[in-house]
């Protein structure tokens, strides 16, 4: 069964040798790549999650479907306001014309 957005997975050496040993991670899936890859492998985009359920880094990983395992729920409830991943900064336009619309 393919992972779905929102799934919490344990990615370790069974999914790819690059995640073996102490490099294993807990991963919250955001999207599954539509690209055709090697048989049984897929691209996942998502966030590395710490023990408390907080996102610590956005990653794109190439893993074997057969090696993916569901992860245990975080020890503490997640709060949407708590996140260690820096959000994109957006600057508002300060150019407003007489009709109160942003200038171009």
Protein backbone atom coordinates (compact mmCIF):
# COMPACT_ATOMS: atom_id res chain seq x y z
CA UNK A 1 0.00 0.00 0.00
CA UNK A 2 1.38 3.43 -0.96
CA UNK A 3 1.95 6.00 1.78
CA UNK A 4 -0.58 8.84 1.90
CA UNK A 5 -0.14 12.49 2.92
CA UNK A 6 -0.32 12.68 6.71
CA UNK A 7 1.13 9.21 7.31
CA UNK A 8 3.81 9.01 10.00
CA UNK A 9 6.56 6.57 8.96
CA UNK A 10 9.74 5.15 10.46
CA UNK A 11 12.41 5.31 7.77
CA UNK A 12 15.45 3.19 8.58
CA UNK A 13 17.91 0.84 6.90
CA UNK A 14 15.08 -1.39 5.64
CA UNK A 15 13.86 1.49 3.45
CA UNK A 16 17.33 2.59 2.27
CA UNK A 17 20.90 1.99 3.39
CA UNK A 18 21.38 5.75 3.83
CA UNK A 19 19.00 5.65 6.82
CA UNK A 20 20.64 2.71 8.61
CA UNK A 21 21.65 2.75 12.28
CA UNK A 22 21.50 6.10 14.04
CA UNK A 23 20.50 7.84 10.79
CA UNK A 24 16.93 6.46 10.98
CA UNK A 25 14.18 9.05 11.15
CA UNK A 26 10.49 9.54 11.79
CA UNK A 27 8.87 11.12 8.76
CA UNK A 28 5.49 12.82 8.18
CA UNK A 29 4.50 12.38 4.51
CA UNK A 30 3.37 15.47 2.60
CA UNK A 31 3.37 13.97 -0.89
CA UNK A 32 4.33 10.89 -2.87
CA UNK A 33 6.21 11.51 -6.11
CA UNK A 34 4.32 10.56 -9.28
CA UNK A 35 7.54 9.81 -11.19
CA UNK A 36 8.24 6.32 -12.45
CA UNK A 37 11.30 5.01 -10.61
CA UNK A 38 13.07 1.70 -10.09
CA UNK A 39 10.61 -1.07 -9.30
CA UNK A 40 9.61 -0.86 -5.63
CA UNK A 41 11.23 2.55 -4.97
CA UNK A 42 9.52 5.92 -4.60
CA UNK A 43 10.15 9.57 -3.75
CA UNK A 44 8.52 10.97 -0.62
CA UNK A 45 8.38 14.60 0.40
CA UNK A 46 7.69 15.46 4.01
CA UNK A 47 9.03 16.52 7.38
CA UNK A 48 11.41 14.86 9.81
CA UNK A 49 9.56 14.73 13.13
CA UNK A 50 11.16 14.70 16.59
CA UNK A 51 9.99 12.71 19.67
CA UNK A 52 7.50 15.42 20.57
CA UNK A 53 5.91 15.43 17.13
CA UNK A 54 7.48 18.71 16.00
CA UNK A 55 8.73 19.10 12.43
CA UNK A 56 12.48 19.76 12.40
CA UNK A 57 13.40 19.64 8.69
CA UNK A 58 11.74 19.32 5.31
CA UNK A 59 13.17 16.43 3.26
CA UNK A 60 12.72 14.56 0.02
CA UNK A 61 13.74 10.92 0.33
CA UNK A 62 14.10 8.00 -2.10
CA UNK A 63 13.04 4.79 -0.36
CA UNK A 64 11.93 1.22 -0.92
CA UNK A 65 8.20 0.79 -0.42
CA UNK A 66 8.70 -2.64 1.17
CA UNK A 67 10.96 -1.14 3.87
CA UNK A 68 8.54 1.52 5.12
CA UNK A 69 6.98 1.00 8.57
CA UNK A 70 4.35 3.01 10.45
CA UNK A 71 5.84 5.05 13.31
CA UNK A 72 4.52 5.28 16.84
CA UNK A 73 2.53 8.41 17.68
CA UNK A 74 4.56 11.22 19.30
CA UNK A 75 4.92 11.19 23.09
CA UNK A 76 3.37 14.66 23.38
CA UNK A 77 0.45 16.14 21.45
CA UNK A 78 1.45 18.33 18.52
CA UNK A 79 0.53 21.98 18.44
CA UNK A 80 0.20 23.71 15.09
CA UNK A 81 1.87 26.85 16.45
CA UNK A 82 5.00 24.96 17.50
CA UNK A 83 7.31 24.17 14.63
CA UNK A 84 11.06 24.37 14.21
CA UNK A 85 10.95 24.58 10.41
CA UNK A 86 11.43 28.15 9.29
CA UNK A 87 8.49 29.39 7.23
CA UNK A 88 8.99 31.18 3.94
CA UNK A 89 9.06 34.93 4.40
CA UNK A 90 6.59 36.90 2.35
CA UNK A 91 6.80 40.63 1.85
CA UNK A 92 3.64 42.61 1.19
CA UNK A 93 3.58 45.20 -1.54
CA UNK A 94 3.73 48.74 -0.21
CA UNK A 95 2.68 50.27 -3.52
CA UNK A 96 -1.03 51.05 -3.25
CA UNK A 97 -2.75 53.26 -5.81
CA UNK A 98 -5.69 55.58 -5.34
CA UNK A 99 -8.13 52.73 -5.92
CA UNK A 100 -6.61 50.86 -2.93
CA UNK A 101 -5.25 48.05 -5.11
CA UNK A 102 -1.65 46.97 -5.02
CA UNK A 103 0.49 48.43 -7.77
CA UNK A 104 2.21 46.33 -10.39
